[in-house]
Amino acid sequence: MKTNKGYRSSEGTESVSQAAKLAVIAGAITTLGDALATIAAGLALEDELKENESKNNDIDKLQKQIDDLNYEMKQLKKMFR
């Protein structure tokens, strides 16, 4: 009885070929998903930076109001002395 160990049937080669194609497609989809995740993270970071900038502007405005009030208080103190 002779066995053909080195011989692959065309059916086995076809399933390996399909598996390789699926692996390539899966890799492409994964890469696309990673790219989208990176873009989303960049957009979220940009939004966070804009929000922080807005908060800093609000803090600057409040500090200016405090400085103005302090100046006015000093002027009033001078008037009453």
C-alpha atoms as a PDB file:
ATOM      1  CA  MET A   1       0.000   0.000   0.000  1.00  0.00           C
ATOM      2  CA  LYS A   2       1.442   3.321  -1.087  1.00  0.00           C
ATOM      3  CA  THR A   3       0.584   6.636   0.609  1.00  0.00           C
ATOM      4  CA  ASN A   4       0.910  10.063  -0.903  1.00  0.00           C
ATOM      5  CA  LYS A   5       2.142  12.114   2.066  1.00  0.00           C
ATOM      6  CA  GLY A   6       3.554  14.993   0.011  1.00  0.00           C
ATOM      7  CA  TYR A   7       0.450  15.320  -2.157  1.00  0.00           C
ATOM      8  CA  ARG A   8      -2.193  17.925  -1.367  1.00  0.00           C
ATOM      9  CA  SER A   9      -5.591  17.731  -2.860  1.00  0.00           C
ATOM     10  CA  SER A  10      -6.905  20.758  -4.739  1.00  0.00           C
ATOM     11  CA  GLU A  11      -9.588  21.073  -2.086  1.00  0.00           C
ATOM     12  CA  GLY A  12      -6.970  21.541   0.654  1.00  0.00           C
ATOM     13  CA  THR A  13      -5.093  24.144  -1.402  1.00  0.00           C
ATOM     14  CA  GLU A  14      -8.309  26.006  -2.089  1.00  0.00           C
ATOM     15  CA  SER A  15      -9.217  26.191   1.617  1.00  0.00           C
ATOM     16  CA  VAL A  16      -5.714  27.441   2.456  1.00  0.00           C
ATOM     17  CA  SER A  17      -6.090  30.076  -0.268  1.00  0.00           C
ATOM     18  CA  GLN A  18      -9.467  31.150   1.121  1.00  0.00           C
ATOM     19  CA  ALA A  19      -8.014  31.298   4.627  1.00  0.00           C
ATOM     20  CA  ALA A  20      -5.165  33.495   3.376  1.00  0.00           C
ATOM     21  CA  LYS A  21      -7.623  35.808   1.614  1.00  0.00           C
ATOM     22  CA  LEU A  22      -9.724  36.061   4.763  1.00  0.00           C
ATOM     23  CA  ALA A  23      -6.598  36.830   6.798  1.00  0.00           C
ATOM     24  CA  VAL A  24      -5.680  39.668   4.414  1.00  0.00           C
ATOM     25  CA  ILE A  25      -9.224  41.068   4.531  1.00  0.00           C
ATOM     26  CA  ALA A  26      -9.280  40.830   8.339  1.00  0.00           C
ATOM     27  CA  GLY A  27      -5.937  42.608   8.519  1.00  0.00           C
ATOM     28  CA  ALA A  28      -7.200  45.399   6.265  1.00  0.00           C
ATOM     29  CA  ILE A  29     -10.350  45.827   8.352  1.00  0.00           C
ATOM     30  CA  THR A  30      -8.293  45.889  11.555  1.00  0.00           C
ATOM     31  CA  THR A  31      -5.976  48.512  10.093  1.00  0.00           C
ATOM     32  CA  LEU A  32      -8.940  50.622   9.028  1.00  0.00           C
ATOM     33  CA  GLY A  33     -10.441  50.309  12.513  1.00  0.00           C
ATOM     34  CA  ASP A  34      -7.155  51.386  14.110  1.00  0.00           C
ATOM     35  CA  ALA A  35      -6.966  54.379  11.774  1.00  0.00           C
ATOM     36  CA  LEU A  36     -10.509  55.421  12.697  1.00  0.00           C
ATOM     37  CA  ALA A  37      -9.705  55.046  16.393  1.00  0.00           C
ATOM     38  CA  THR A  38      -6.637  57.237  15.964  1.00  0.00           C
ATOM     39  CA  ILE A  39      -8.651  59.913  14.169  1.00  0.00           C
ATOM     40  CA  ALA A  40     -11.319  59.800  16.880  1.00  0.00           C
ATOM     41  CA  ALA A  41      -8.681  60.182  19.599  1.00  0.00           C
ATOM     42  CA  GLY A  42      -7.191  63.158  17.760  1.00  0.00           C
ATOM     43  CA  LEU A  43     -10.589  64.828  17.477  1.00  0.00           C
ATOM     44  CA  ALA A  44     -11.304  64.216  21.160  1.00  0.00           C
ATOM     45  CA  LEU A  45      -7.946  65.738  22.074  1.00  0.00           C
ATOM     46  CA  GLU A  46      -8.650  68.762  19.893  1.00  0.00           C
ATOM     47  CA  ASP A  47     -12.034  69.265  21.585  1.00  0.00           C
ATOM     48  CA  GLU A  48     -10.405  68.988  25.012  1.00  0.00           C
ATOM     49  CA  LEU A  49      -7.785  71.584  24.085  1.00  0.00           C
ATOM     50  CA  LYS A  50     -10.474  73.982  22.845  1.00  0.00           C
ATOM     51  CA  GLU A  51     -12.443  73.489  26.056  1.00  0.00           C
ATOM     52  CA  ASN A  52      -9.351  74.158  28.168  1.00  0.00           C
ATOM     53  CA  GLU A  53      -8.581  77.269  26.125  1.00  0.00           C
ATOM     54  CA  SER A  54     -12.119  78.525  26.728  1.00  0.00           C
ATOM     55  CA  LYS A  55     -11.776  77.894  30.467  1.00  0.00           C
ATOM     56  CA  ASN A  56      -8.448  79.731  30.507  1.00  0.00           C
ATOM     57  CA  ASN A  57     -10.093  82.708  28.789  1.00  0.00           C
ATOM     58  CA  ASP A  58     -12.829  82.710  31.418  1.00  0.00           C
ATOM     59  CA  ILE A  59     -10.236  82.588  34.200  1.00  0.00           C
ATOM     60  CA  ASP A  60      -8.338  85.476  32.596  1.00  0.00           C
ATOM     61  CA  LYS A  61     -11.543  87.538  32.448  1.00  0.00           C
ATOM     62  CA  LEU A  62     -12.299  86.812  36.106  1.00  0.00           C
ATOM     63  CA  GLN A  63      -8.752  87.757  37.092  1.00  0.00           C
ATOM     64  CA  LYS A  64      -9.087  91.058  35.230  1.00  0.00           C
ATOM     65  CA  GLN A  65     -12.358  91.784  37.042  1.00  0.00           C
ATOM     66  CA  ILE A  66     -10.684  91.037  40.380  1.00  0.00           C
ATOM     67  CA  ASP A  67      -7.777  93.319  39.499  1.00  0.00           C
ATOM     68  CA  ASP A  68     -10.167  96.103  38.482  1.00  0.00           C
ATOM     69  CA  LEU A  69     -12.130  95.751  41.718  1.00  0.00           C
ATOM     70  CA  ASN A  70      -8.923  95.838  43.754  1.00  0.00           C
ATOM     71  CA  TYR A  71      -7.873  99.019  41.978  1.00  0.00           C
ATOM     72  CA  GLU A  72     -11.244 100.623  42.659  1.00  0.00           C
ATOM     73  CA  MET A  73     -11.065  99.633  46.326  1.00  0.00           C
ATOM     74  CA  LYS A  74      -7.638 101.252  46.622  1.00  0.00           C
ATOM     75  CA  GLN A  75      -8.984 104.402  45.014  1.00  0.00           C
ATOM     76  CA  LEU A  76     -11.911 104.462  47.473  1.00  0.00           C
ATOM     77  CA  LYS A  77      -9.540 103.989  50.423  1.00  0.00           C
ATOM     78  CA  LYS A  78      -7.500 106.958  49.245  1.00  0.00           C
ATOM     79  CA  MET A  79     -10.629 109.076  49.013  1.00  0.00           C
ATOM     80  CA  PHE A  80     -11.694 108.328  52.602  1.00  0.00           C
ATOM     81  CA  ARG A  81      -8.299 109.008  54.188  1.00  0.00           C
END
